C-alpha cells in the first residue's frame, strides 16, 4: 500500500492507467470501496434505497392482488 500511496502523490490524472500495475489498481479500488462502505452517509443512502424498494415491492404486490381479485370477479 505504501508504494501505491507514493505513486498517488506525484500522479497526474492522465497517467493513472500507465502508473499502476493491475494488482495495484485492484488494491486501490478495494480500499476505496471499503472506505465508501464505512461512511455513514453511504449507509443512510443504502437504507433509504432499500426502504424505497420495499415500498415499491409492497405496492406491486397490492396491484397484483387487486388484478387477481378483478379477474376472479369476472
PDB file of N, CA and C in Angstrom:
ATOM      1  N   UNK A   1       0.826  -1.194   0.000  1.00  0.00           N
ATOM      2  CA  UNK A   1       0.000   0.000   0.000  1.00  0.00           C
ATOM      3  C   UNK A   1       0.871   1.258   0.000  1.00  0.00           C
ATOM      4  N   UNK A   2       2.018   1.213   0.640  1.00  0.00           N
ATOM      5  CA  UNK A   2       2.914   2.369   0.677  1.00  0.00           C
ATOM      6  C   UNK A   2       3.369   2.764  -0.726  1.00  0.00           C
ATOM      7  N   UNK A   3       3.611   1.760  -1.563  1.00  0.00           N
ATOM      8  CA  UNK A   3       4.031   2.026  -2.942  1.00  0.00           C
ATOM      9  C   UNK A   3       2.921   2.754  -3.692  1.00  0.00           C
ATOM     10  N   UNK A   4       1.690   2.315  -3.482  1.00  0.00           N
ATOM     11  CA  UNK A   4       0.544   2.936  -4.148  1.00  0.00           C
ATOM     12  C   UNK A   4       0.385   4.379  -3.688  1.00  0.00           C
ATOM     13  N   UNK A   5       0.486   4.602  -2.377  1.00  0.00           N
ATOM     14  CA  UNK A   5       0.355   5.966  -1.855  1.00  0.00           C
ATOM     15  C   UNK A   5       1.444   6.880  -2.407  1.00  0.00           C
ATOM     16  N   UNK A   6       2.664   6.369  -2.493  1.00  0.00           N
ATOM     17  CA  UNK A   6       3.760   7.178  -3.032  1.00  0.00           C
ATOM     18  C   UNK A   6       3.491   7.549  -4.490  1.00  0.00           C
ATOM     19  N   UNK A   7       2.974   6.593  -5.272  1.00  0.00           N
ATOM     20  CA  UNK A   7       2.669   6.877  -6.682  1.00  0.00           C
ATOM     21  C   UNK A   7       1.538   7.892  -6.808  1.00  0.00           C
ATOM     22  N   UNK A   8       0.555   7.822  -5.903  1.00  0.00           N
ATOM     23  CA  UNK A   8      -0.594   8.731  -5.972  1.00  0.00           C
ATOM     24  C   UNK A   8      -0.184  10.183  -5.721  1.00  0.00           C
ATOM     25  N   UNK A   9       0.815  10.399  -4.869  1.00  0.00           N
ATOM     26  CA  UNK A   9       1.228  11.774  -4.530  1.00  0.00           C
ATOM     27  C   UNK A   9       1.737  12.540  -5.747  1.00  0.00           C
ATOM     28  N   UNK A  10       2.449  11.873  -6.601  1.00  0.00           N
ATOM     29  CA  UNK A  10       3.058  12.561  -7.758  1.00  0.00           C
ATOM     30  C   UNK A  10       2.308  12.297  -9.058  1.00  0.00           C
ATOM     31  N   UNK A  11       1.101  11.844  -8.976  1.00  0.00           N
ATOM     32  CA  UNK A  11       0.373  11.377 -10.158  1.00  0.00           C
ATOM     33  C   UNK A  11      -0.515  12.462 -10.747  1.00  0.00           C
ATOM     34  N   UNK A  12      -0.536  12.521 -12.054  1.00  0.00           N
ATOM     35  CA  UNK A  12      -1.486  13.371 -12.763  1.00  0.00           C
ATOM     36  C   UNK A  12      -2.601  12.470 -13.286  1.00  0.00           C
ATOM     37  N   UNK A  13      -3.833  12.970 -13.381  1.00  0.00           N
ATOM     38  CA  UNK A  13      -4.971  12.123 -13.773  1.00  0.00           C
ATOM     39  C   UNK A  13      -4.774  11.355 -15.073  1.00  0.00           C
ATOM     40  N   UNK A  14      -4.122  11.937 -16.042  1.00  0.00           N
ATOM     41  CA  UNK A  14      -3.947  11.282 -17.338  1.00  0.00           C
ATOM     42  C   UNK A  14      -2.993  10.108 -17.324  1.00  0.00           C
ATOM     43  N   UNK A  15      -2.207   9.999 -16.281  1.00  0.00           N
ATOM     44  CA  UNK A  15      -1.210   8.922 -16.246  1.00  0.00           C
ATOM     45  C   UNK A  15      -1.588   7.783 -15.315  1.00  0.00           C
ATOM     46  N   UNK A  16      -2.813   7.774 -14.825  1.00  0.00           N
ATOM     47  CA  UNK A  16      -3.242   6.740 -13.887  1.00  0.00           C
ATOM     48  C   UNK A  16      -3.097   5.336 -14.468  1.00  0.00           C
ATOM     49  N   UNK A  17      -3.569   5.147 -15.692  1.00  0.00           N
ATOM     50  CA  UNK A  17      -3.543   3.807 -16.290  1.00  0.00           C
ATOM     51  C   UNK A  17      -2.140   3.247 -16.453  1.00  0.00           C
ATOM     52  N   UNK A  18      -1.199   4.096 -16.784  1.00  0.00           N
ATOM     53  CA  UNK A  18       0.162   3.600 -17.010  1.00  0.00           C
ATOM     54  C   UNK A  18       0.999   3.561 -15.737  1.00  0.00           C
ATOM     55  N   UNK A  19       0.590   4.271 -14.691  1.00  0.00           N
ATOM     56  CA  UNK A  19       1.396   4.361 -13.479  1.00  0.00           C
ATOM     57  C   UNK A  19       1.246   3.143 -12.569  1.00  0.00           C
ATOM     58  N   UNK A  20       0.117   2.445 -12.654  1.00  0.00           N
ATOM     59  CA  UNK A  20      -0.160   1.338 -11.739  1.00  0.00           C
ATOM     60  C   UNK A  20      -0.209   0.010 -12.474  1.00  0.00           C
ATOM     61  N   UNK A  21       0.261  -1.007 -11.789  1.00  0.00           N
ATOM     62  CA  UNK A  21       0.085  -2.375 -12.286  1.00  0.00           C
ATOM     63  C   UNK A  21      -1.356  -2.789 -11.997  1.00  0.00           C
ATOM     64  N   UNK A  22      -1.791  -3.855 -12.629  1.00  0.00           N
ATOM     65  CA  UNK A  22      -3.168  -4.329 -12.450  1.00  0.00           C
ATOM     66  C   UNK A  22      -3.450  -4.622 -10.977  1.00  0.00           C
ATOM     67  N   UNK A  23      -2.533  -5.314 -10.303  1.00  0.00           N
ATOM     68  CA  UNK A  23      -2.726  -5.682  -8.902  1.00  0.00           C
ATOM     69  C   UNK A  23      -2.849  -4.450  -8.015  1.00  0.00           C
ATOM     70  N   UNK A  24      -2.070  -3.413  -8.336  1.00  0.00           N
ATOM     71  CA  UNK A  24      -2.145  -2.179  -7.568  1.00  0.00           C
ATOM     72  C   UNK A  24      -3.490  -1.479  -7.772  1.00  0.00           C
ATOM     73  N   UNK A  25      -3.984  -1.530  -8.985  1.00  0.00           N
ATOM     74  CA  UNK A  25      -5.295  -0.931  -9.258  1.00  0.00           C
ATOM     75  C   UNK A  25      -6.386  -1.647  -8.478  1.00  0.00           C
ATOM     76  N   UNK A  26      -6.308  -2.965  -8.423  1.00  0.00           N
ATOM     77  CA  UNK A  26      -7.305  -3.739  -7.686  1.00  0.00           C
ATOM     78  C   UNK A  26      -7.243  -3.398  -6.201  1.00  0.00           C
ATOM     79  N   UNK A  27      -6.047  -3.305  -5.645  1.00  0.00           N
ATOM     80  CA  UNK A  27      -5.892  -2.954  -4.229  1.00  0.00           C
ATOM     81  C   UNK A  27      -6.460  -1.565  -3.959  1.00  0.00           C
ATOM     82  N   UNK A  28      -6.117  -0.616  -4.801  1.00  0.00           N
ATOM     83  CA  UNK A  28      -6.592   0.753  -4.633  1.00  0.00           C
ATOM     84  C   UNK A  28      -8.117   0.828  -4.704  1.00  0.00           C
ATOM     85  N   UNK A  29      -8.701   0.180  -5.675  1.00  0.00           N
ATOM     86  CA  UNK A  29     -10.162   0.186  -5.805  1.00  0.00           C
ATOM     87  C   UNK A  29     -10.837  -0.517  -4.627  1.00  0.00           C
ATOM     88  N   UNK A  30     -10.254  -1.598  -4.157  1.00  0.00           N
ATOM     89  CA  UNK A  30     -10.811  -2.308  -2.994  1.00  0.00           C
ATOM     90  C   UNK A  30     -10.815  -1.420  -1.754  1.00  0.00           C
ATOM     91  N   UNK A  31      -9.729  -0.705  -1.551  1.00  0.00           N
ATOM     92  CA  UNK A  31      -9.648   0.196  -0.400  1.00  0.00           C
ATOM     93  C   UNK A  31     -10.658   1.329  -0.527  1.00  0.00           C
ATOM     94  N   UNK A  32     -10.797   1.886  -1.719  1.00  0.00           N
ATOM     95  CA  UNK A  32     -11.775   2.958  -1.925  1.00  0.00           C
ATOM     96  C   UNK A  32     -13.199   2.474  -1.680  1.00  0.00           C
ATOM     97  N   UNK A  33     -13.506   1.278  -2.151  1.00  0.00           N
ATOM     98  CA  UNK A  33     -14.846   0.721  -1.946  1.00  0.00           C
ATOM     99  C   UNK A  33     -15.102   0.476  -0.467  1.00  0.00           C
ATOM    100  N   UNK A  34     -14.137  -0.108   0.229  1.00  0.00           N
ATOM    101  CA  UNK A  34     -14.282  -0.351   1.662  1.00  0.00           C
ATOM    102  C   UNK A  34     -14.479   0.950   2.424  1.00  0.00           C
ATOM    103  N   UNK A  35     -13.751   1.986   2.030  1.00  0.00           N
ATOM    104  CA  UNK A  35     -13.861   3.283   2.690  1.00  0.00           C
ATOM    105  C   UNK A  35     -15.244   3.889   2.471  1.00  0.00           C
ATOM    106  N   UNK A  36     -15.757   3.806   1.263  1.00  0.00           N
ATOM    107  CA  UNK A  36     -17.085   4.349   0.978  1.00  0.00           C
ATOM    108  C   UNK A  36     -18.147   3.593   1.775  1.00  0.00           C
ATOM    109  N   UNK A  37     -18.007   2.275   1.888  1.00  0.00           N
ATOM    110  CA  UNK A  37     -18.984   1.495   2.641  1.00  0.00           C
ATOM    111  C   UNK A  37     -18.963   1.841   4.123  1.00  0.00           C
ATOM    112  N   UNK A  38     -17.852   2.339   4.626  1.00  0.00           N
ATOM    113  CA  UNK A  38     -17.756   2.712   6.031  1.00  0.00           C
ATOM    114  C   UNK A  38     -18.383   4.069   6.336  1.00  0.00           C
ATOM    115  N   UNK A  39     -18.667   4.850   5.326  1.00  0.00           N
ATOM    116  CA  UNK A  39     -19.243   6.172   5.541  1.00  0.00           C
ATOM    117  C   UNK A  39     -20.699   6.072   5.980  1.00  0.00           C
ATOM    118  N   UNK A  40     -21.071   6.848   6.980  1.00  0.00           N
ATOM    119  CA  UNK A  40     -22.452   6.846   7.465  1.00  0.00           C
ATOM    120  C   UNK A  40     -23.418   7.364   6.405  1.00  0.00           C
ATOM    121  N   UNK A  41     -22.983   8.340   5.625  1.00  0.00           N
ATOM    122  CA  UNK A  41     -23.861   8.875   4.583  1.00  0.00           C
ATOM    123  C   UNK A  41     -24.210   7.792   3.568  1.00  0.00           C
ATOM    124  N   UNK A  42     -23.243   6.986   3.215  1.00  0.00           N
ATOM    125  CA  UNK A  42     -23.498   5.908   2.261  1.00  0.00           C
ATOM    126  C   UNK A  42     -24.437   4.874   2.863  1.00  0.00           C
ATOM    127  N   UNK A  43     -24.242   4.567   4.128  1.00  0.00           N
ATOM    128  CA  UNK A  43     -25.151   3.622   4.802  1.00  0.00           C
ATOM    129  C   UNK A  43     -26.575   4.157   4.828  1.00  0.00           C
ATOM    130  N   UNK A  44     -26.712   5.457   5.130  1.00  0.00           N
ATOM    131  CA  UNK A  44     -28.046   6.065   5.136  1.00  0.00           C
ATOM    132  C   UNK A  44     -28.666   6.016   3.746  1.00  0.00           C
ATOM    133  N   UNK A  45     -27.867   6.279   2.728  1.00  0.00           N
ATOM    134  CA  UNK A  45     -28.344   6.211   1.345  1.00  0.00           C
ATOM    135  C   UNK A  45     -28.847   4.805   1.023  1.00  0.00           C
ATOM    136  N   UNK A  46     -28.062   3.781   1.386  1.00  0.00           N
ATOM    137  CA  UNK A  46     -28.486   2.404   1.119  1.00  0.00           C
ATOM    138  C   UNK A  46     -29.746   2.042   1.884  1.00  0.00           C
ATOM    139  N   UNK A  47     -29.851   2.498   3.118  1.00  0.00           N
ATOM    140  CA  UNK A  47     -31.047   2.220   3.912  1.00  0.00           C
ATOM    141  C   UNK A  47     -32.287   2.831   3.272  1.00  0.00           C
ATOM    142  N   UNK A  48     -32.167   4.080   2.832  1.00  0.00           N
ATOM    143  CA  UNK A  48     -33.300   4.741   2.180  1.00  0.00           C
ATOM    144  C   UNK A  48     -33.676   4.035   0.886  1.00  0.00           C
ATOM    145  N   UNK A  49     -32.672   3.622   0.111  1.00  0.00           N
ATOM    146  CA  UNK A  49     -32.948   2.908  -1.148  1.00  0.00           C
ATOM    147  C   UNK A  49     -33.647   1.575  -0.873  1.00  0.00           C
ATOM    148  N   UNK A  50     -33.217   0.864   0.158  1.00  0.00           N
ATOM    149  CA  UNK A  50     -33.852  -0.407   0.493  1.00  0.00           C
ATOM    150  C   UNK A  50     -35.282  -0.198   0.957  1.00  0.00           C
ATOM    151  N   UNK A  51     -35.523   0.850   1.750  1.00  0.00           N
ATOM    152  CA  UNK A  51     -36.885   1.152   2.189  1.00  0.00           C
ATOM    153  C   UNK A  51     -37.771   1.508   0.999  1.00  0.00           C
ATOM    154  N   UNK A  52     -37.241   2.290   0.085  1.00  0.00           N
ATOM    155  CA  UNK A  52     -37.988   2.667  -1.111  1.00  0.00           C
ATOM    156  C   UNK A  52     -38.304   1.444  -1.959  1.00  0.00           C
ATOM    157  N   UNK A  53     -37.324   0.568  -2.117  1.00  0.00           N
ATOM    158  CA  UNK A  53     -37.530  -0.665  -2.881  1.00  0.00           C
ATOM    159  C   UNK A  53     -38.593  -1.534  -2.218  1.00  0.00           C
ATOM    160  N   UNK A  54     -38.558  -1.630  -0.904  1.00  0.00           N
ATOM    161  CA  UNK A  54     -39.554  -2.424  -0.180  1.00  0.00           C
ATOM    162  C   UNK A  54     -40.951  -1.856  -0.369  1.00  0.00           C
ATOM    163  N   UNK A  55     -41.065  -0.527  -0.335  1.00  0.00           N
ATOM    164  CA  UNK A  55     -42.386   0.075  -0.517  1.00  0.00           C
ATOM    165  C   UNK A  55     -42.892  -0.149  -1.936  1.00  0.00           C
ATOM    166  N   UNK A  56     -41.991  -0.091  -2.936  1.00  0.00           N
ATOM    167  CA  UNK A  56     -42.401  -0.371  -4.316  1.00  0.00           C
ATOM    168  C   UNK A  56     -42.818  -1.828  -4.480  1.00  0.00           C
ATOM    169  N   UNK A  57     -42.092  -2.729  -3.852  1.00  0.00           N
ATOM    170  CA  UNK A  57     -42.458  -4.145  -3.932  1.00  0.00           C
ATOM    171  C   UNK A  57     -43.810  -4.400  -3.287  1.00  0.00           C
ATOM    172  N   UNK A  58     -44.093  -3.747  -2.144  1.00  0.00           N
ATOM    173  CA  UNK A  58     -45.394  -3.902  -1.489  1.00  0.00           C
ATOM    174  C   UNK A  58     -46.497  -3.351  -2.379  1.00  0.00           C
ATOM    175  N   UNK A  59     -46.238  -2.191  -2.972  1.00  0.00           N
ATOM    176  CA  UNK A  59     -47.220  -1.589  -3.881  1.00  0.00           C
ATOM    177  C   UNK A  59     -47.476  -2.502  -5.074  1.00  0.00           C
ATOM    178  N   UNK A  60     -46.434  -3.089  -5.616  1.00  0.00           N
ATOM    179  CA  UNK A  60     -46.570  -4.006  -6.752  1.00  0.00           C
ATOM    180  C   UNK A  60     -47.398  -5.230  -6.361  1.00  0.00           C
ATOM    181  N   UNK A  61     -47.126  -5.773  -5.183  1.00  0.00           N
ATOM    182  CA  UNK A  61     -47.888  -6.941  -4.729  1.00  0.00           C
ATOM    183  C   UNK A  61     -49.360  -6.591  -4.519  1.00  0.00           C
ATOM    184  N   UNK A  62     -49.629  -5.382  -4.024  1.00  0.00           N
ATOM    185  CA  UNK A  62     -51.011  -4.929  -3.848  1.00  0.00           C
ATOM    186  C   UNK A  62     -51.720  -4.818  -5.196  1.00  0.00           C
ATOM    187  N   UNK A  63     -51.022  -4.310  -6.208  1.00  0.00           N
ATOM    188  CA  UNK A  63     -51.598  -4.190  -7.550  1.00  0.00           C
ATOM    189  C   UNK A  63     -51.895  -5.573  -8.109  1.00  0.00           C
ATOM    190  N   UNK A  64     -50.966  -6.516  -7.938  1.00  0.00           N
ATOM    191  CA  UNK A  64     -51.196  -7.881  -8.417  1.00  0.00           C
ATOM    192  C   UNK A  64     -52.386  -8.522  -7.715  1.00  0.00           C
ATOM    193  N   UNK A  65     -52.521  -8.265  -6.412  1.00  0.00           N
ATOM    194  CA  UNK A  65     -53.654  -8.815  -5.661  1.00  0.00           C
ATOM    195  C   UNK A  65     -54.966  -8.219  -6.173  1.00  0.00           C
ATOM    196  N   UNK A  66     -54.967  -6.927  -6.471  1.00  0.00           N
ATOM    197  CA  UNK A  66     -56.169  -6.274  -6.995  1.00  0.00           C
ATOM    198  C   UNK A  66     -56.520  -6.837  -8.370  1.00  0.00           C
ATOM    199  N   UNK A  67     -55.528  -7.028  -9.206  1.00  0.00           N
ATOM    200  CA  UNK A  67     -55.776  -7.612 -10.539  1.00  0.00           C
ATOM    201  C   UNK A  67     -56.352  -9.006 -10.409  1.00  0.00           C
ATOM    202  N   UNK A  68     -55.822  -9.782  -9.495  1.00  0.00           N
ATOM    203  CA  UNK A  68     -56.301 -11.157  -9.301  1.00  0.00           C
ATOM    204  C   UNK A  68     -57.755 -11.145  -8.812  1.00  0.00           C
ATOM    205  N   UNK A  69     -58.088 -10.222  -7.900  1.00  0.00           N
ATOM    206  CA  UNK A  69     -59.472 -10.115  -7.432  1.00  0.00           C
ATOM    207  C   UNK A  69     -60.412  -9.755  -8.570  1.00  0.00           C
ATOM    208  N   UNK A  70     -59.990  -8.793  -9.414  1.00  0.00           N
ATOM    209  CA  UNK A  70     -60.822  -8.375 -10.536  1.00  0.00           C
ATOM    210  C   UNK A  70     -61.025  -9.523 -11.529  1.00  0.00           C
ATOM    211  N   UNK A  71     -59.980 -10.306 -11.758  1.00  0.00           N
ATOM    212  CA  UNK A  71     -60.109 -11.452 -12.666  1.00  0.00           C
ATOM    213  C   UNK A  71     -61.051 -12.500 -12.099  1.00  0.00           C
ATOM    214  N   UNK A  72     -61.036 -12.687 -10.796  1.00  0.00           N
ATOM    215  CA  UNK A  72     -61.918 -13.683 -10.181  1.00  0.00           C
ATOM    216  C   UNK A  72     -63.382 -13.204 -10.196  1.00  0.00           C
ATOM    217  N   UNK A  73     -63.584 -11.906 -10.156  1.00  0.00           N
ATOM    218  CA  UNK A  73     -64.938 -11.351 -10.178  1.00  0.00           C
ATOM    219  C   UNK A  73     -65.585 -11.508 -11.549  1.00  0.00           C
ATOM    220  N   UNK A  74     -64.760 -11.614 -12.600  1.00  0.00           N
ATOM    221  CA  UNK A  74     -65.320 -11.732 -13.946  1.00  0.00           C
ATOM    222  C   UNK A  74     -65.807 -13.083 -14.133  1.00  0.00           C
TER     223      UNK A  74
END
